[in-house]
């Protein structure tokens, strides 16, 4: 999975998402965007890209979390 920064660099995204941005807002933004980088992308492709960006922001948090001993 790409990090958020890798995703931003690949698509030249200048908009800033934060860890506080709700996933619904990220998905809505990707789906409704008229940016040419999304041209030809289906709603489902945009949704998947948004989810990847959302979790990419949190990758560092997930990597740093301690493993759950109860799993």
Protein backbone atom coordinates (compact mmCIF):
# COMPACT_ATOMS: atom_id res chain seq x y z
CA UNK A 1 0.00 0.00 0.00
CA UNK A 2 1.28 3.46 -0.88
CA UNK A 3 1.84 6.03 1.81
CA UNK A 4 -0.20 9.20 1.63
CA UNK A 5 2.92 11.12 0.59
CA UNK A 6 3.65 8.67 -2.23
CA UNK A 7 0.02 8.99 -3.37
CA UNK A 8 0.23 12.81 -3.26
CA UNK A 9 3.49 12.79 -5.19
CA UNK A 10 2.22 10.37 -7.85
CA UNK A 11 -0.95 12.37 -8.52
CA UNK A 12 0.47 15.85 -7.76
CA UNK A 13 -2.20 16.47 -5.14
CA UNK A 14 -1.92 19.81 -3.39
CA UNK A 15 -4.93 19.39 -1.15
CA UNK A 16 -4.07 18.45 2.39
CA UNK A 17 -5.77 15.60 4.17
CA UNK A 18 -5.17 15.22 7.86
CA UNK A 19 -5.54 12.29 10.20
CA UNK A 20 -8.62 14.04 11.54
CA UNK A 21 -10.37 14.11 8.15
CA UNK A 22 -13.26 11.61 8.32
CA UNK A 23 -13.08 8.84 5.72
CA UNK A 24 -16.52 9.85 4.39
CA UNK A 25 -15.18 13.32 3.57
CA UNK A 26 -12.12 11.89 1.82
CA UNK A 27 -14.26 9.54 -0.29
CA UNK A 28 -16.76 12.28 -1.15
CA UNK A 29 -13.94 14.61 -2.17
CA UNK A 30 -12.34 12.02 -4.47
CA UNK A 31 -15.68 11.06 -6.05
CA UNK A 32 -16.85 14.63 -6.64
CA UNK A 33 -13.51 15.99 -7.83
CA UNK A 34 -13.38 17.38 -11.35
CA UNK A 35 -9.58 17.30 -11.32
CA UNK A 36 -8.17 15.93 -14.57
CA UNK A 37 -6.13 13.35 -12.62
CA UNK A 38 -9.39 11.52 -11.97
CA UNK A 39 -10.57 11.68 -15.58
CA UNK A 40 -11.80 8.31 -16.77
CA UNK A 41 -11.86 6.85 -13.25
CA UNK A 42 -15.09 5.20 -12.19
CA UNK A 43 -16.79 6.03 -8.92
CA UNK A 44 -15.53 2.69 -7.54
CA UNK A 45 -11.95 3.41 -8.64
CA UNK A 46 -12.10 6.82 -6.98
CA UNK A 47 -13.55 5.27 -3.82
CA UNK A 48 -10.68 2.77 -3.68
CA UNK A 49 -8.13 5.54 -4.23
CA UNK A 50 -9.70 7.57 -1.43
CA UNK A 51 -9.64 4.63 0.97
CA UNK A 52 -5.99 4.01 0.10
CA UNK A 53 -5.14 7.65 0.77
CA UNK A 54 -7.09 7.60 4.04
CA UNK A 55 -5.32 4.52 5.39
CA UNK A 56 -2.01 5.68 3.95
CA UNK A 57 -2.22 8.66 6.29
CA UNK A 58 -2.59 6.28 9.20
CA UNK A 59 0.08 3.79 8.14
CA UNK A 60 2.69 5.27 10.47
CA UNK A 61 0.24 5.05 13.38
CA UNK A 62 -0.54 1.43 12.57
CA UNK A 63 3.15 0.55 12.20
CA UNK A 64 3.99 2.09 15.55
CA UNK A 65 1.14 0.51 17.48
CA UNK A 66 2.03 -2.31 19.79
CA UNK A 67 0.86 -5.76 18.77
CA UNK A 68 -2.21 -6.92 20.59
CA UNK A 69 -1.21 -9.78 22.86
CA UNK A 70 -4.84 -10.96 23.04
CA UNK A 71 -5.20 -11.81 19.36
